[in-house]
Protein backbone atom coordinates (compact mmCIF):
# COMPACT_ATOMS: atom_id res chain seq x y z
CA UNK A 1 24.82 112.83 101.10
CA UNK A 2 22.51 113.13 104.16
CA UNK A 3 21.22 110.23 106.08
CA UNK A 4 17.56 109.58 106.30
CA UNK A 5 17.51 110.89 109.86
CA UNK A 6 19.46 114.07 108.90
CA UNK A 7 17.07 114.72 105.92
CA UNK A 8 14.08 114.41 108.23
CA UNK A 9 15.49 116.67 110.90
CA UNK A 10 16.34 119.21 108.09
CA UNK A 11 12.83 119.11 106.65
CA UNK A 12 11.28 119.56 110.14
CA UNK A 13 13.46 122.63 110.79
CA UNK A 14 12.78 124.13 107.52
CA UNK A 15 9.04 123.53 107.70
CA UNK A 16 8.96 125.01 111.25
CA UNK A 17 11.12 127.97 110.27
CA UNK A 18 8.81 128.76 107.30
CA UNK A 19 5.78 128.91 109.67
CA UNK A 20 7.43 130.70 112.60
CA UNK A 21 10.50 132.62 111.40
CA UNK A 22 12.14 131.54 114.75
CA UNK A 23 15.33 129.41 115.31
CA UNK A 24 14.47 125.75 115.95
CA UNK A 25 15.95 123.71 118.94
CA UNK A 26 16.54 120.12 119.35
CA UNK A 27 13.77 119.88 122.14
CA UNK A 28 11.17 121.41 119.95
CA UNK A 29 11.88 118.76 117.14
CA UNK A 30 11.93 115.88 119.59
CA UNK A 31 8.34 117.01 120.61
CA UNK A 32 6.94 116.43 117.11
CA UNK A 33 4.53 113.43 116.84
CA UNK A 34 6.49 111.79 114.01
CA UNK A 35 9.89 112.22 115.62
CA UNK A 36 11.15 109.33 117.70
CA UNK A 37 14.67 110.45 118.38
CA UNK A 38 16.15 111.94 121.59
CA UNK A 39 17.11 115.69 121.87
CA UNK A 40 20.82 114.47 122.30
CA UNK A 41 20.63 112.54 119.01
CA UNK A 42 18.96 115.43 117.28
CA UNK A 43 21.45 117.79 118.56
CA UNK A 44 24.31 115.78 117.17
CA UNK A 45 22.69 115.70 113.81
CA UNK A 46 22.08 119.41 113.99
CA UNK A 47 25.67 119.95 114.68
CA UNK A 48 26.49 117.73 111.66
CA UNK A 49 24.13 119.61 109.27
CA UNK A 50 25.53 122.86 110.46
CA UNK A 51 29.10 121.73 109.74
CA UNK A 52 28.01 120.58 106.35
CA UNK A 53 26.47 123.96 105.62
CA UNK A 54 22.77 123.17 105.70
CA UNK A 55 21.99 124.96 108.85
CA UNK A 56 23.15 128.12 110.50
CA UNK A 57 23.35 128.83 114.21
CA UNK A 58 22.05 132.41 115.17
CA UNK A 59 23.83 134.36 117.94
CA UNK A 60 24.03 132.53 121.11
CA UNK A 61 20.74 130.62 120.65
CA UNK A 62 20.91 126.86 120.65
CA UNK A 63 18.44 126.90 117.73
CA UNK A 64 19.29 126.62 114.09
CA UNK A 65 17.90 128.22 110.91
CA UNK A 66 18.25 126.83 107.35
CA UNK A 67 20.96 128.25 105.19
CA UNK A 68 20.66 128.68 101.41
CA UNK A 69 22.22 125.41 100.84
CA UNK A 70 19.57 123.82 103.11
CA UNK A 71 16.80 125.56 101.16
CA UNK A 72 18.20 124.28 97.86
CA UNK A 73 18.27 120.67 99.31
CA UNK A 74 14.82 121.17 100.51
CA UNK A 75 13.54 122.47 97.21
CA UNK A 76 15.42 119.85 95.06
CA UNK A 77 14.70 116.73 97.23
CA UNK A 78 11.83 117.30 99.58
CA UNK A 79 9.04 119.26 98.02
CA UNK A 80 5.85 117.40 97.90
CA UNK A 81 2.73 118.16 95.76
CA UNK A 82 0.61 120.79 97.45
CA UNK A 83 -3.17 120.75 97.09
CA UNK A 84 -4.55 123.99 96.52
CA UNK A 85 -7.85 124.61 98.44
CA UNK A 86 -11.27 124.64 96.67
CA UNK A 87 -11.61 128.42 97.13
CA UNK A 88 -8.09 128.94 95.65
CA UNK A 89 -8.84 126.81 92.56
CA UNK A 90 -12.22 128.64 92.10
CA UNK A 91 -10.37 132.01 92.24
CA UNK A 92 -7.83 130.85 89.52
CA UNK A 93 -10.51 129.26 87.18
CA UNK A 94 -12.79 132.43 87.47
CA UNK A 95 -9.89 134.54 86.25
CA UNK A 96 -9.84 132.47 82.76
CA UNK A 97 -13.49 131.60 82.48
CA UNK A 98 -14.36 134.67 80.37
CA UNK A 99 -12.81 135.37 77.00
CA UNK A 100 -9.73 137.58 77.45
CA UNK A 101 -10.39 140.96 75.74
CA UNK A 102 -7.32 142.89 76.88
CA UNK A 103 -3.86 141.38 77.43
CA UNK A 104 -2.92 144.22 79.75
CA UNK A 105 -5.84 143.35 82.07
CA UNK A 106 -5.02 139.79 82.20
CA UNK A 107 -1.43 140.69 83.33
CA UNK A 108 -2.61 143.12 85.96
CA UNK A 109 -5.32 140.73 87.34
CA UNK A 110 -2.88 137.88 87.47
CA UNK A 111 -0.35 140.03 89.44
CA UNK A 112 -2.86 141.33 91.89
CA UNK A 113 -4.67 137.95 92.51
CA UNK A 114 -1.49 135.96 93.05
CA UNK A 115 -0.18 138.50 95.47
CA UNK A 116 -3.39 138.31 97.39
CA UNK A 117 -3.29 134.53 97.42
CA UNK A 118 0.30 134.11 98.53
CA UNK A 119 1.07 137.43 100.34
CA UNK A 120 4.21 137.63 98.36
CA UNK A 121 5.19 140.16 95.69
CA UNK A 122 4.02 139.04 92.19
CA UNK A 123 5.66 140.04 88.80
CA UNK A 124 4.14 139.36 85.44
CA UNK A 125 6.26 139.96 82.38
CA UNK A 126 4.29 140.57 79.26
CA UNK A 127 4.89 138.78 75.97
CA UNK A 128 8.09 139.25 73.88
CA UNK A 129 9.33 142.13 76.35
CA UNK A 130 13.03 140.83 76.15
CA UNK A 131 13.26 140.47 72.32
CA UNK A 132 10.92 143.13 71.00
CA UNK A 133 13.03 145.75 69.09
CA UNK A 134 12.19 148.98 67.28
CA UNK A 135 12.06 148.39 63.59
CA UNK A 136 10.84 151.92 62.51
CA UNK A 137 9.58 155.15 63.88
CA UNK A 138 7.38 157.61 62.11
CA UNK A 139 6.09 161.07 63.27
CA UNK A 140 3.06 162.20 61.62
CA UNK A 141 1.91 165.83 62.23
CA UNK A 142 -1.98 166.19 62.72
CA UNK A 143 -1.73 170.02 63.02
CA UNK A 144 0.76 172.63 64.22
CA UNK A 145 0.22 171.53 67.95
CA UNK A 146 0.06 167.74 67.84
CA UNK A 147 1.41 164.63 66.08
CA UNK A 148 1.33 160.94 66.13
CA UNK A 149 4.32 158.69 66.75
CA UNK A 150 4.01 155.26 64.95
CA UNK A 151 6.30 152.61 66.47
CA UNK A 152 6.80 149.48 64.48
CA UNK A 153 8.62 146.47 66.25
CA UNK A 154 10.45 143.71 64.71
CA UNK A 155 7.55 141.24 65.71
CA UNK A 156 5.15 143.27 63.51
CA UNK A 157 3.38 144.99 66.39
CA UNK A 158 2.47 148.71 65.47
CA UNK A 159 1.66 151.21 68.14
CA UNK A 160 0.27 154.79 67.90
CA UNK A 161 1.13 157.49 70.42
CA UNK A 162 -0.16 161.05 70.27
CA UNK A 163 1.90 163.88 71.65
CA UNK A 164 1.92 167.68 71.75
CA UNK A 165 4.46 169.43 69.51
CA UNK A 166 6.02 172.55 70.94
CA UNK A 167 5.51 175.63 68.85
CA UNK A 168 9.19 176.26 68.81
CA UNK A 169 9.90 173.13 66.69
CA UNK A 170 9.36 173.50 62.98
CA UNK A 171 8.88 170.86 60.43
CA UNK A 172 12.48 170.54 59.59
CA UNK A 173 13.61 169.91 63.11
CA UNK A 174 10.78 167.32 63.31
CA UNK A 175 12.23 165.55 60.21
CA UNK A 176 15.74 165.70 61.60
CA UNK A 177 14.52 164.04 64.89
CA UNK A 178 12.86 161.18 63.19
CA UNK A 179 15.98 160.58 61.04
CA UNK A 180 18.24 160.71 64.07
CA UNK A 181 15.91 158.22 65.97
CA UNK A 182 15.63 155.78 62.90
CA UNK A 183 19.54 155.87 62.56
CA UNK A 184 20.30 155.20 66.21
CA UNK A 185 17.45 153.37 67.77
CA UNK A 186 16.43 150.79 65.12
CA UNK A 187 17.20 147.36 66.42
CA UNK A 188 17.26 148.43 70.02
CA UNK A 189 15.07 146.50 72.45
CA UNK A 190 12.16 148.60 73.48
CA UNK A 191 13.00 148.39 77.13
CA UNK A 192 16.48 149.95 76.43
CA UNK A 193 15.16 152.99 74.36
CA UNK A 194 15.27 155.50 77.32
CA UNK A 195 18.89 154.65 78.13
CA UNK A 196 19.95 154.67 74.45
CA UNK A 197 18.49 158.08 73.92
CA UNK A 198 20.53 159.32 76.79
CA UNK A 199 23.76 157.93 75.52
CA UNK A 200 23.42 157.94 71.82
CA UNK A 201 20.93 160.58 70.71
CA UNK A 202 21.18 163.64 72.99
CA UNK A 203 24.55 164.92 71.44
CA UNK A 204 23.15 164.65 67.93
CA UNK A 205 20.14 166.60 68.81
CA UNK A 206 22.29 169.33 70.28
CA UNK A 207 24.31 169.23 67.12
CA UNK A 208 21.62 169.16 64.42
CA UNK A 209 18.49 170.71 65.90
CA UNK A 210 17.86 174.45 66.62
CA UNK A 211 16.28 173.82 70.02
CA UNK A 212 17.97 171.01 71.84
CA UNK A 213 15.81 170.84 74.94
CA UNK A 214 12.49 171.03 73.10
CA UNK A 215 13.64 168.31 70.76
CA UNK A 216 14.56 165.97 73.72
CA UNK A 217 11.13 166.84 75.44
CA UNK A 218 9.42 165.85 72.13
CA UNK A 219 11.26 162.63 71.91
CA UNK A 220 10.47 161.70 75.44
CA UNK A 221 6.69 162.51 75.08
CA UNK A 222 6.50 160.60 71.83
CA UNK A 223 8.20 157.41 73.09
CA UNK A 224 7.34 157.38 76.89
CA UNK A 225 4.60 159.76 77.49
CA UNK A 226 1.95 156.87 77.18
CA UNK A 227 4.21 153.76 77.25
CA UNK A 228 2.55 150.54 77.75
CA UNK A 229 3.74 148.75 80.82
CA UNK A 230 5.50 145.49 80.02
CA UNK A 231 6.12 144.47 83.69
CA UNK A 232 3.29 144.32 86.18
CA UNK A 233 4.24 144.21 89.86
CA UNK A 234 1.71 143.78 92.67
CA UNK A 235 1.91 143.35 96.44
CA UNK A 236 5.24 145.28 96.97
CA UNK A 237 4.00 146.23 100.47
CA UNK A 238 3.89 142.58 101.35
CA UNK A 239 7.72 142.69 101.65
CA UNK A 240 7.34 144.85 104.61
CA UNK A 241 5.23 142.17 106.34
CA UNK A 242 8.29 139.75 106.36
CA UNK A 243 10.44 139.96 109.42
CA UNK A 244 13.45 139.46 107.22
CA UNK A 245 12.85 142.93 105.90
CA UNK A 246 12.45 144.78 109.18
CA UNK A 247 15.88 146.19 108.14
CA UNK A 248 14.75 149.43 106.30
CA UNK A 249 17.85 149.39 104.10
CA UNK A 250 17.18 145.92 102.88
CA UNK A 251 13.49 146.72 102.12
CA UNK A 252 14.41 149.94 100.39
CA UNK A 253 17.12 148.23 98.10
CA UNK A 254 14.58 145.62 97.14
CA UNK A 255 11.84 148.18 96.38
CA UNK A 256 14.38 150.11 94.23
CA UNK A 257 14.99 146.98 92.07
CA UNK A 258 11.25 146.30 91.70
CA UNK A 259 10.86 149.86 90.41
CA UNK A 260 13.50 149.33 87.75
CA UNK A 261 11.92 147.43 84.75
CA UNK A 262 15.13 147.53 82.74
CA UNK A 263 16.92 145.46 85.52
CA UNK A 264 14.00 143.17 86.45
CA UNK A 265 12.98 142.03 83.15
CA UNK A 266 16.14 140.17 82.14
CA UNK A 267 16.07 138.35 85.54
CA UNK A 268 12.63 137.01 84.81
CA UNK A 269 13.51 135.43 81.45
CA UNK A 270 13.84 131.76 81.45
CA UNK A 271 15.93 129.74 78.90
CA UNK A 272 13.61 126.79 79.51
CA UNK A 273 9.95 126.34 80.09
CA UNK A 274 8.64 125.38 83.55
CA UNK A 275 9.24 126.40 87.11
CA UNK A 276 12.74 127.86 88.18
CA UNK A 277 13.73 128.70 91.79
CA UNK A 278 16.59 131.17 92.63
CA UNK A 279 17.32 131.28 96.34
CA UNK A 280 19.29 133.99 98.07
CA UNK A 281 22.65 134.65 96.50
CA UNK A 282 21.63 132.59 93.40
CA UNK A 283 20.02 135.86 92.44
CA UNK A 284 22.10 138.14 90.38
CA UNK A 285 21.36 141.35 92.19
CA UNK A 286 22.65 141.97 95.77
CA UNK A 287 19.32 143.52 96.78
CA UNK A 288 17.77 140.19 96.26
CA UNK A 289 20.39 138.09 98.28
CA UNK A 290 17.86 137.69 101.07
CA UNK A 291 15.05 136.83 98.81
CA UNK A 292 13.67 133.76 96.72
CA UNK A 293 12.46 134.42 93.17
CA UNK A 294 10.12 131.50 91.72
CA UNK A 295 9.36 131.90 88.07
CA UNK A 296 7.03 130.07 85.69
CA UNK A 297 6.67 130.50 82.02
CA UNK A 298 3.53 130.66 80.03
CA UNK A 299 3.17 129.78 76.28
CA UNK A 300 1.03 129.89 73.29
CA UNK A 301 1.33 126.65 71.51
CA UNK A 302 4.99 125.72 71.80
CA UNK A 303 6.18 129.22 72.06
CA UNK A 304 7.24 130.76 75.41
CA UNK A 305 5.91 134.33 75.36
CA UNK A 306 6.27 135.52 79.15
CA UNK A 307 6.85 134.77 82.61
CA UNK A 308 5.01 135.06 86.00
CA UNK A 309 6.94 135.09 89.30
CA UNK A 310 6.67 135.30 93.07
CA UNK A 311 9.23 137.15 95.11
CA UNK A 312 9.46 136.56 98.90
CA UNK A 313 11.91 135.76 101.60
CA UNK A 314 14.11 132.70 101.51
CA UNK A 315 11.82 131.59 104.27
CA UNK A 316 9.11 131.04 101.55
CA UNK A 317 6.27 128.53 101.53
CA UNK A 318 7.77 126.77 98.67
CA UNK A 319 5.32 123.99 98.00
CA UNK A 320 2.37 126.24 97.90
CA UNK A 321 4.06 128.90 95.77
CA UNK A 322 5.29 126.34 93.28
CA UNK A 323 1.81 124.73 93.04
CA UNK A 324 0.06 128.14 92.67
CA UNK A 325 2.43 129.25 89.81
CA UNK A 326 2.25 125.87 88.09
CA UNK A 327 -1.57 125.86 88.13
CA UNK A 328 -1.76 129.67 87.11
CA UNK A 329 0.73 129.40 84.34
CA UNK A 330 -0.99 126.34 82.77
CA UNK A 331 -4.51 128.02 82.91
CA UNK A 332 -3.01 131.20 81.48
CA UNK A 333 -1.36 129.28 78.61
CA UNK A 334 -4.65 127.44 77.77
CA UNK A 335 -6.58 130.64 77.69
CA UNK A 336 -4.07 132.56 75.57
CA UNK A 337 -3.82 129.64 73.13
CA UNK A 338 -7.67 129.86 72.75
CA UNK A 339 -7.56 133.64 72.51
CA UNK A 340 -4.89 133.96 69.91
CA UNK A 341 -6.40 131.07 67.97
CA UNK A 342 -9.71 132.85 67.83
């Protein structure tokens, strides 16, 4: 366990590093108004903190930076309530003043505004994206050139998607396609449909339909041509503003993860309501080992229906990020409750 002096020195180092992204030396700490210890005393405590794994020494510099263990101690024991500015609160309240008409618009606006307020990347996961599964698929011909795909999920949601029908596909092939899809895809989570078609359906199309490639194109147009986005991401370019991602390979890896909804969606799911913080290697994917992911759930009544998250460097302004997500998720939950109630 840290002494009070060690905890104070650790907090000063983390606060300073969050602001400057530069290693912190004992002399800089000693100059702080609220620090009354000598540089020698501070150096001894910094050495002990490094030995205990809370700090890391960079190259030949005498300064230290926080380790993931240091950030975890900071998050668990040192975060104080952060007061948002009047302007920030007005921005949040204005988002939910009017009655929400389109759920998609709420998700998009939330992602955009939070990324603007924090200069981090924001991710918003729409309701039930993890559990929603395909219950039934119907394809209804309109004429020889077009049809409508009707998707029914296990939650009762019904979605209609119009698409073009190639002239080389006759009605018998269309019926075979529907039978194959219902046989292989019923019960599959919506976010995995594309992968399941590749692994489970293509061989059957090749075996039972007269035009394999056209049948595949039809499926893809029907299911994914106008697919509703479940994961909204805003502020990806903010990653490039952080010195931690000057390494182009780190940035590219993180961008690739953000582009992959199938990988990101399960990471955003929380088993319990509230705020959750994953620091560095606590994140499951290697591309996020230099990042912190803070998630907050939003609910309707007692039911958790989605997640909103901030992704930034481990050198994140934790107090402000947590406060913003907490306030935003509470306002969103209240507004959604009224919306669904009406």
